[in-house]
Amino acid sequence: MNTAQNTEDKREKIQALSLAKECYSMKLDLLTNATVIDDAIRFVSSHNPILVAMKMNLMNQTIMKTKMG
């Protein structure tokens, strides 16, 4: 956006604004794509040590209840 604001050359300004528009469009597509969002949530959840520990704890509790019951 700085290039678009700082240049006097109309062609350069149009190219800079076109590139900015394309970037915003791609960003919007990524943010509204449910598959991408689900994959990101799954990735973060599987790589967050606290969440992994909580999942393991829940699994262990379930196994213990199954063995006892």
PDB file of N, CA and C in Angstrom:
ATOM      1  N   MET A   1       0.822  -1.193   0.000  1.00  0.00           N
ATOM      2  CA  MET A   1       0.000   0.000   0.000  1.00  0.00           C
ATOM      3  C   MET A   1       0.865   1.255   0.000  1.00  0.00           C
ATOM      4  N   ASN A   2       2.043   1.199   0.605  1.00  0.00           N
ATOM      5  CA  ASN A   2       2.911   2.374   0.610  1.00  0.00           C
ATOM      6  C   ASN A   2       3.293   2.784  -0.801  1.00  0.00           C
ATOM      7  N   THR A   3       3.583   1.797  -1.648  1.00  0.00           N
ATOM      8  CA  THR A   3       3.953   2.104  -3.032  1.00  0.00           C
ATOM      9  C   THR A   3       2.807   2.823  -3.729  1.00  0.00           C
ATOM     10  N   ALA A   4       1.588   2.346  -3.512  1.00  0.00           N
ATOM     11  CA  ALA A   4       0.429   2.968  -4.158  1.00  0.00           C
ATOM     12  C   ALA A   4       0.242   4.402  -3.684  1.00  0.00           C
ATOM     13  N   GLN A   5       0.544   4.659  -2.423  1.00  0.00           N
ATOM     14  CA  GLN A   5       0.347   6.005  -1.880  1.00  0.00           C
ATOM     15  C   GLN A   5       1.491   6.947  -2.241  1.00  0.00           C
ATOM     16  N   ASN A   6       2.690   6.392  -2.409  1.00  0.00           N
ATOM     17  CA  ASN A   6       3.875   7.245  -2.577  1.00  0.00           C
ATOM     18  C   ASN A   6       4.267   7.511  -4.019  1.00  0.00           C
ATOM     19  N   THR A   7       3.693   6.813  -4.955  1.00  0.00           N
ATOM     20  CA  THR A   7       4.117   6.984  -6.346  1.00  0.00           C
ATOM     21  C   THR A   7       3.205   7.951  -7.095  1.00  0.00           C
ATOM     22  N   GLU A   8       3.804   8.632  -8.047  1.00  0.00           N
ATOM     23  CA  GLU A   8       3.036   9.515  -8.929  1.00  0.00           C
ATOM     24  C   GLU A   8       2.688   8.799 -10.241  1.00  0.00           C
ATOM     25  N   ASP A   9       3.404   7.713 -10.519  1.00  0.00           N
ATOM     26  CA  ASP A   9       3.197   6.949 -11.749  1.00  0.00           C
ATOM     27  C   ASP A   9       1.879   6.177 -11.641  1.00  0.00           C
ATOM     28  N   LYS A  10       0.934   6.514 -12.505  1.00  0.00           N
ATOM     29  CA  LYS A  10      -0.398   5.891 -12.444  1.00  0.00           C
ATOM     30  C   LYS A  10      -0.331   4.383 -12.677  1.00  0.00           C
ATOM     31  N   ARG A  11       0.511   3.938 -13.587  1.00  0.00           N
ATOM     32  CA  ARG A  11       0.625   2.512 -13.884  1.00  0.00           C
ATOM     33  C   ARG A  11       1.153   1.756 -12.659  1.00  0.00           C
ATOM     34  N   GLU A  12       2.169   2.309 -12.012  1.00  0.00           N
ATOM     35  CA  GLU A  12       2.733   1.679 -10.819  1.00  0.00           C
ATOM     36  C   GLU A  12       1.691   1.647  -9.685  1.00  0.00           C
ATOM     37  N   LYS A  13       0.921   2.710  -9.567  1.00  0.00           N
ATOM     38  CA  LYS A  13      -0.114   2.775  -8.535  1.00  0.00           C
ATOM     39  C   LYS A  13      -1.181   1.703  -8.773  1.00  0.00           C
ATOM     40  N   ILE A  14      -1.601   1.549 -10.022  1.00  0.00           N
ATOM     41  CA  ILE A  14      -2.609   0.541 -10.376  1.00  0.00           C
ATOM     42  C   ILE A  14      -2.068  -0.866 -10.105  1.00  0.00           C
ATOM     43  N   GLN A  15      -0.809  -1.125 -10.455  1.00  0.00           N
ATOM     44  CA  GLN A  15      -0.217  -2.432 -10.212  1.00  0.00           C
ATOM     45  C   GLN A  15      -0.127  -2.726  -8.710  1.00  0.00           C
ATOM     46  N   ALA A  16       0.252  -1.727  -7.924  1.00  0.00           N
ATOM     47  CA  ALA A  16       0.370  -1.917  -6.479  1.00  0.00           C
ATOM     48  C   ALA A  16      -0.999  -2.184  -5.857  1.00  0.00           C
ATOM     49  N   LEU A  17      -2.000  -1.441  -6.276  1.00  0.00           N
ATOM     50  CA  LEU A  17      -3.347  -1.640  -5.748  1.00  0.00           C
ATOM     51  C   LEU A  17      -3.922  -2.991  -6.190  1.00  0.00           C
ATOM     52  N   SER A  18      -3.610  -3.392  -7.401  1.00  0.00           N
ATOM     53  CA  SER A  18      -4.062  -4.695  -7.902  1.00  0.00           C
ATOM     54  C   SER A  18      -3.441  -5.829  -7.085  1.00  0.00           C
ATOM     55  N   LEU A  19      -2.159  -5.716  -6.784  1.00  0.00           N
ATOM     56  CA  LEU A  19      -1.482  -6.722  -5.969  1.00  0.00           C
ATOM     57  C   LEU A  19      -2.078  -6.768  -4.561  1.00  0.00           C
ATOM     58  N   ALA A  20      -2.338  -5.600  -3.977  1.00  0.00           N
ATOM     59  CA  ALA A  20      -2.946  -5.547  -2.644  1.00  0.00           C
ATOM     60  C   ALA A  20      -4.326  -6.198  -2.666  1.00  0.00           C
ATOM     61  N   LYS A  21      -5.110  -5.918  -3.703  1.00  0.00           N
ATOM     62  CA  LYS A  21      -6.444  -6.513  -3.834  1.00  0.00           C
ATOM     63  C   LYS A  21      -6.347  -8.038  -3.923  1.00  0.00           C
ATOM     64  N   GLU A  22      -5.390  -8.526  -4.699  1.00  0.00           N
ATOM     65  CA  GLU A  22      -5.208  -9.973  -4.847  1.00  0.00           C
ATOM     66  C   GLU A  22      -4.810 -10.621  -3.514  1.00  0.00           C
ATOM     67  N   CYS A  23      -3.943  -9.957  -2.766  1.00  0.00           N
ATOM     68  CA  CYS A  23      -3.528 -10.487  -1.455  1.00  0.00           C
ATOM     69  C   CYS A  23      -4.708 -10.550  -0.493  1.00  0.00           C
ATOM     70  N   TYR A  24      -5.505  -9.487  -0.437  1.00  0.00           N
ATOM     71  CA  TYR A  24      -6.682  -9.479   0.438  1.00  0.00           C
ATOM     72  C   TYR A  24      -7.681 -10.563   0.024  1.00  0.00           C
ATOM     73  N   SER A  25      -7.823 -10.764  -1.272  1.00  0.00           N
ATOM     74  CA  SER A  25      -8.739 -11.788  -1.766  1.00  0.00           C
ATOM     75  C   SER A  25      -8.275 -13.182  -1.349  1.00  0.00           C
ATOM     76  N   MET A  26      -6.977 -13.451  -1.478  1.00  0.00           N
ATOM     77  CA  MET A  26      -6.431 -14.751  -1.074  1.00  0.00           C
ATOM     78  C   MET A  26      -6.588 -14.953   0.428  1.00  0.00           C
ATOM     79  N   LYS A  27      -6.335 -13.905   1.186  1.00  0.00           N
ATOM     80  CA  LYS A  27      -6.473 -13.988   2.641  1.00  0.00           C
ATOM     81  C   LYS A  27      -7.926 -14.301   3.015  1.00  0.00           C
ATOM     82  N   LEU A  28      -8.859 -13.653   2.375  1.00  0.00           N
ATOM     83  CA  LEU A  28     -10.277 -13.901   2.633  1.00  0.00           C
ATOM     84  C   LEU A  28     -10.652 -15.335   2.286  1.00  0.00           C
ATOM     85  N   ASP A  29     -10.155 -15.833   1.156  1.00  0.00           N
ATOM     86  CA  ASP A  29     -10.421 -17.225   0.762  1.00  0.00           C
ATOM     87  C   ASP A  29      -9.907 -18.204   1.811  1.00  0.00           C
ATOM     88  N   LEU A  30      -8.693 -17.958   2.309  1.00  0.00           N
ATOM     89  CA  LEU A  30      -8.125 -18.853   3.323  1.00  0.00           C
ATOM     90  C   LEU A  30      -8.917 -18.798   4.621  1.00  0.00           C
ATOM     91  N   LEU A  31      -9.340 -17.608   5.010  1.00  0.00           N
ATOM     92  CA  LEU A  31     -10.040 -17.454   6.284  1.00  0.00           C
ATOM     93  C   LEU A  31     -11.476 -17.966   6.241  1.00  0.00           C
ATOM     94  N   THR A  32     -12.044 -18.097   5.059  1.00  0.00           N
ATOM     95  CA  THR A  32     -13.426 -18.559   4.952  1.00  0.00           C
ATOM     96  C   THR A  32     -13.529 -20.000   4.457  1.00  0.00           C
ATOM     97  N   ASN A  33     -12.386 -20.652   4.275  1.00  0.00           N
ATOM     98  CA  ASN A  33     -12.376 -22.033   3.814  1.00  0.00           C
ATOM     99  C   ASN A  33     -12.414 -22.950   5.035  1.00  0.00           C
ATOM    100  N   ALA A  34     -13.532 -23.630   5.245  1.00  0.00           N
ATOM    101  CA  ALA A  34     -13.724 -24.463   6.436  1.00  0.00           C
ATOM    102  C   ALA A  34     -12.679 -25.572   6.530  1.00  0.00           C
ATOM    103  N   THR A  35     -12.275 -26.149   5.418  1.00  0.00           N
ATOM    104  CA  THR A  35     -11.286 -27.223   5.436  1.00  0.00           C
ATOM    105  C   THR A  35      -9.951 -26.713   5.959  1.00  0.00           C
ATOM    106  N   VAL A  36      -9.535 -25.552   5.487  1.00  0.00           N
ATOM    107  CA  VAL A  36      -8.265 -24.976   5.936  1.00  0.00           C
ATOM    108  C   VAL A  36      -8.329 -24.672   7.427  1.00  0.00           C
ATOM    109  N   ILE A  37      -9.446 -24.125   7.874  1.00  0.00           N
ATOM    110  CA  ILE A  37      -9.605 -23.790   9.288  1.00  0.00           C
ATOM    111  C   ILE A  37      -9.595 -25.054  10.137  1.00  0.00           C
ATOM    112  N   ASP A  38     -10.321 -26.080   9.724  1.00  0.00           N
ATOM    113  CA  ASP A  38     -10.333 -27.348  10.464  1.00  0.00           C
ATOM    114  C   ASP A  38      -8.937 -27.957  10.535  1.00  0.00           C
ATOM    115  N   ASP A  39      -8.224 -27.943   9.425  1.00  0.00           N
ATOM    116  CA  ASP A  39      -6.859 -28.488   9.409  1.00  0.00           C
ATOM    117  C   ASP A  39      -5.942 -27.700  10.348  1.00  0.00           C
ATOM    118  N   ALA A  40      -6.092 -26.385  10.350  1.00  0.00           N
ATOM    119  CA  ALA A  40      -5.262 -25.553  11.230  1.00  0.00           C
ATOM    120  C   ALA A  40      -5.563 -25.843  12.695  1.00  0.00           C
ATOM    121  N   ILE A  41      -6.836 -25.970  13.027  1.00  0.00           N
ATOM    122  CA  ILE A  41      -7.219 -26.281  14.409  1.00  0.00           C
ATOM    123  C   ILE A  41      -6.674 -27.646  14.807  1.00  0.00           C
ATOM    124  N   ARG A  42      -6.803 -28.625  13.926  1.00  0.00           N
ATOM    125  CA  ARG A  42      -6.283 -29.964  14.205  1.00  0.00           C
ATOM    126  C   ARG A  42      -4.769 -29.938  14.402  1.00  0.00           C
ATOM    127  N   PHE A  43      -4.080 -29.191  13.553  1.00  0.00           N
ATOM    128  CA  PHE A  43      -2.622 -29.097  13.653  1.00  0.00           C
ATOM    129  C   PHE A  43      -2.206 -28.475  14.981  1.00  0.00           C
ATOM    130  N   VAL A  44      -2.823 -27.355  15.325  1.00  0.00           N
ATOM    131  CA  VAL A  44      -2.475 -26.675  16.577  1.00  0.00           C
ATOM    132  C   VAL A  44      -2.805 -27.562  17.767  1.00  0.00           C
ATOM    133  N   SER A  45      -3.966 -28.195  17.726  1.00  0.00           N
ATOM    134  CA  SER A  45      -4.376 -29.066  18.830  1.00  0.00           C
ATOM    135  C   SER A  45      -3.415 -30.228  19.014  1.00  0.00           C
ATOM    136  N   SER A  46      -2.945 -30.789  17.922  1.00  0.00           N
ATOM    137  CA  SER A  46      -2.066 -31.959  18.023  1.00  0.00           C
ATOM    138  C   SER A  46      -0.637 -31.584  18.394  1.00  0.00           C
ATOM    139  N   HIS A  47      -0.266 -30.321  18.247  1.00  0.00           N
ATOM    140  CA  HIS A  47       1.101 -29.904  18.540  1.00  0.00           C
ATOM    141  C   HIS A  47       1.208 -29.052  19.806  1.00  0.00           C
ATOM    142  N   ASN A  48       0.099 -28.809  20.475  1.00  0.00           N
ATOM    143  CA  ASN A  48       0.118 -28.038  21.709  1.00  0.00           C
ATOM    144  C   ASN A  48       0.327 -29.006  22.871  1.00  0.00           C
ATOM    145  N   PRO A  49       1.450 -28.930  23.582  1.00  0.00           N
ATOM    146  CA  PRO A  49       1.757 -29.903  24.637  1.00  0.00           C
ATOM    147  C   PRO A  49       0.685 -29.977  25.721  1.00  0.00           C
ATOM    148  N   ILE A  50       0.094 -28.874  26.067  1.00  0.00           N
ATOM    149  CA  ILE A  50      -0.945 -28.879  27.109  1.00  0.00           C
ATOM    150  C   ILE A  50      -2.169 -29.648  26.630  1.00  0.00           C
ATOM    151  N   LEU A  51      -2.602 -29.395  25.387  1.00  0.00           N
ATOM    152  CA  LEU A  51      -3.761 -30.105  24.859  1.00  0.00           C
ATOM    153  C   LEU A  51      -3.469 -31.588  24.680  1.00  0.00           C
ATOM    154  N   VAL A  52      -2.265 -31.918  24.256  1.00  0.00           N
ATOM    155  CA  VAL A  52      -1.893 -33.331  24.102  1.00  0.00           C
ATOM    156  C   VAL A  52      -1.939 -34.019  25.465  1.00  0.00           C
ATOM    157  N   ALA A  53      -1.412 -33.365  26.500  1.00  0.00           N
ATOM    158  CA  ALA A  53      -1.430 -33.943  27.853  1.00  0.00           C
ATOM    159  C   ALA A  53      -2.861 -34.122  28.343  1.00  0.00           C
ATOM    160  N   MET A  54      -3.721 -33.145  28.061  1.00  0.00           N
ATOM    161  CA  MET A  54      -5.131 -33.257  28.473  1.00  0.00           C
ATOM    162  C   MET A  54      -5.805 -34.426  27.764  1.00  0.00           C
ATOM    163  N   LYS A  55      -5.534 -34.594  26.480  1.00  0.00           N
ATOM    164  CA  LYS A  55      -6.117 -35.706  25.726  1.00  0.00           C
ATOM    165  C   LYS A  55      -5.638 -37.047  26.287  1.00  0.00           C
ATOM    166  N   MET A  56      -4.341 -37.123  26.592  1.00  0.00           N
ATOM    167  CA  MET A  56      -3.795 -38.365  27.149  1.00  0.00           C
ATOM    168  C   MET A  56      -4.434 -38.660  28.507  1.00  0.00           C
ATOM    169  N   ASN A  57      -4.621 -37.644  29.317  1.00  0.00           N
ATOM    170  CA  ASN A  57      -5.237 -37.808  30.623  1.00  0.00           C
ATOM    171  C   ASN A  57      -6.666 -38.321  30.484  1.00  0.00           C
ATOM    172  N   LEU A  58      -7.422 -37.741  29.564  1.00  0.00           N
ATOM    173  CA  LEU A  58      -8.797 -38.189  29.332  1.00  0.00           C
ATOM    174  C   LEU A  58      -8.837 -39.627  28.829  1.00  0.00           C
ATOM    175  N   MET A  59      -7.902 -39.962  27.942  1.00  0.00           N
ATOM    176  CA  MET A  59      -7.854 -41.338  27.432  1.00  0.00           C
ATOM    177  C   MET A  59      -7.537 -42.308  28.560  1.00  0.00           C
ATOM    178  N   ASN A  60      -6.586 -41.957  29.413  1.00  0.00           N
ATOM    179  CA  ASN A  60      -6.226 -42.820  30.540  1.00  0.00           C
ATOM    180  C   ASN A  60      -7.397 -42.983  31.502  1.00  0.00           C
ATOM    181  N   GLN A  61      -8.121 -41.905  31.768  1.00  0.00           N
ATOM    182  CA  GLN A  61      -9.290 -41.981  32.646  1.00  0.00           C
ATOM    183  C   GLN A  61     -10.347 -42.906  32.052  1.00  0.00           C
ATOM    184  N   THR A  62     -10.554 -42.793  30.758  1.00  0.00           N
ATOM    185  CA  THR A  62     -11.538 -43.633  30.085  1.00  0.00           C
ATOM    186  C   THR A  62     -11.133 -45.106  30.155  1.00  0.00           C
ATOM    187  N   ILE A  63      -9.857 -45.379  29.948  1.00  0.00           N
ATOM    188  CA  ILE A  63      -9.356 -46.754  30.015  1.00  0.00           C
ATOM    189  C   ILE A  63      -9.540 -47.303  31.430  1.00  0.00           C
ATOM    190  N   MET A  64      -9.218 -46.499  32.439  1.00  0.00           N
ATOM    191  CA  MET A  64      -9.351 -46.943  33.829  1.00  0.00           C
ATOM    192  C   MET A  64     -10.807 -47.234  34.168  1.00  0.00           C
ATOM    193  N   LYS A  65     -11.712 -46.370  33.716  1.00  0.00           N
ATOM    194  CA  LYS A  65     -13.141 -46.583  33.981  1.00  0.00           C
ATOM    195  C   LYS A  65     -13.632 -47.847  33.291  1.00  0.00           C
ATOM    196  N   THR A  66     -13.135 -48.090  32.088  1.00  0.00           N
ATOM    197  CA  THR A  66     -13.525 -49.269  31.326  1.00  0.00           C
ATOM    198  C   THR A  66     -13.047 -50.535  32.044  1.00  0.00           C
ATOM    199  N   LYS A  67     -11.838 -50.517  32.562  1.00  0.00           N
ATOM    200  CA  LYS A  67     -11.284 -51.684  33.254  1.00  0.00           C
ATOM    201  C   LYS A  67     -12.022 -51.941  34.560  1.00  0.00           C
ATOM    202  N   MET A  68     -12.416 -50.868  35.255  1.00  0.00           N
ATOM    203  CA  MET A  68     -13.092 -51.003  36.550  1.00  0.00           C
ATOM    204  C   MET A  68     -14.559 -51.394  36.387  1.00  0.00           C
ATOM    205  N   GLY A  69     -15.166 -50.875  35.355  1.00  0.00           N
ATOM    206  CA  GLY A  69     -16.598 -51.055  35.189  1.00  0.00           C
ATOM    207  C   GLY A  69     -16.918 -52.251  34.388  1.00  0.00           C
TER     208      GLY A  69
END
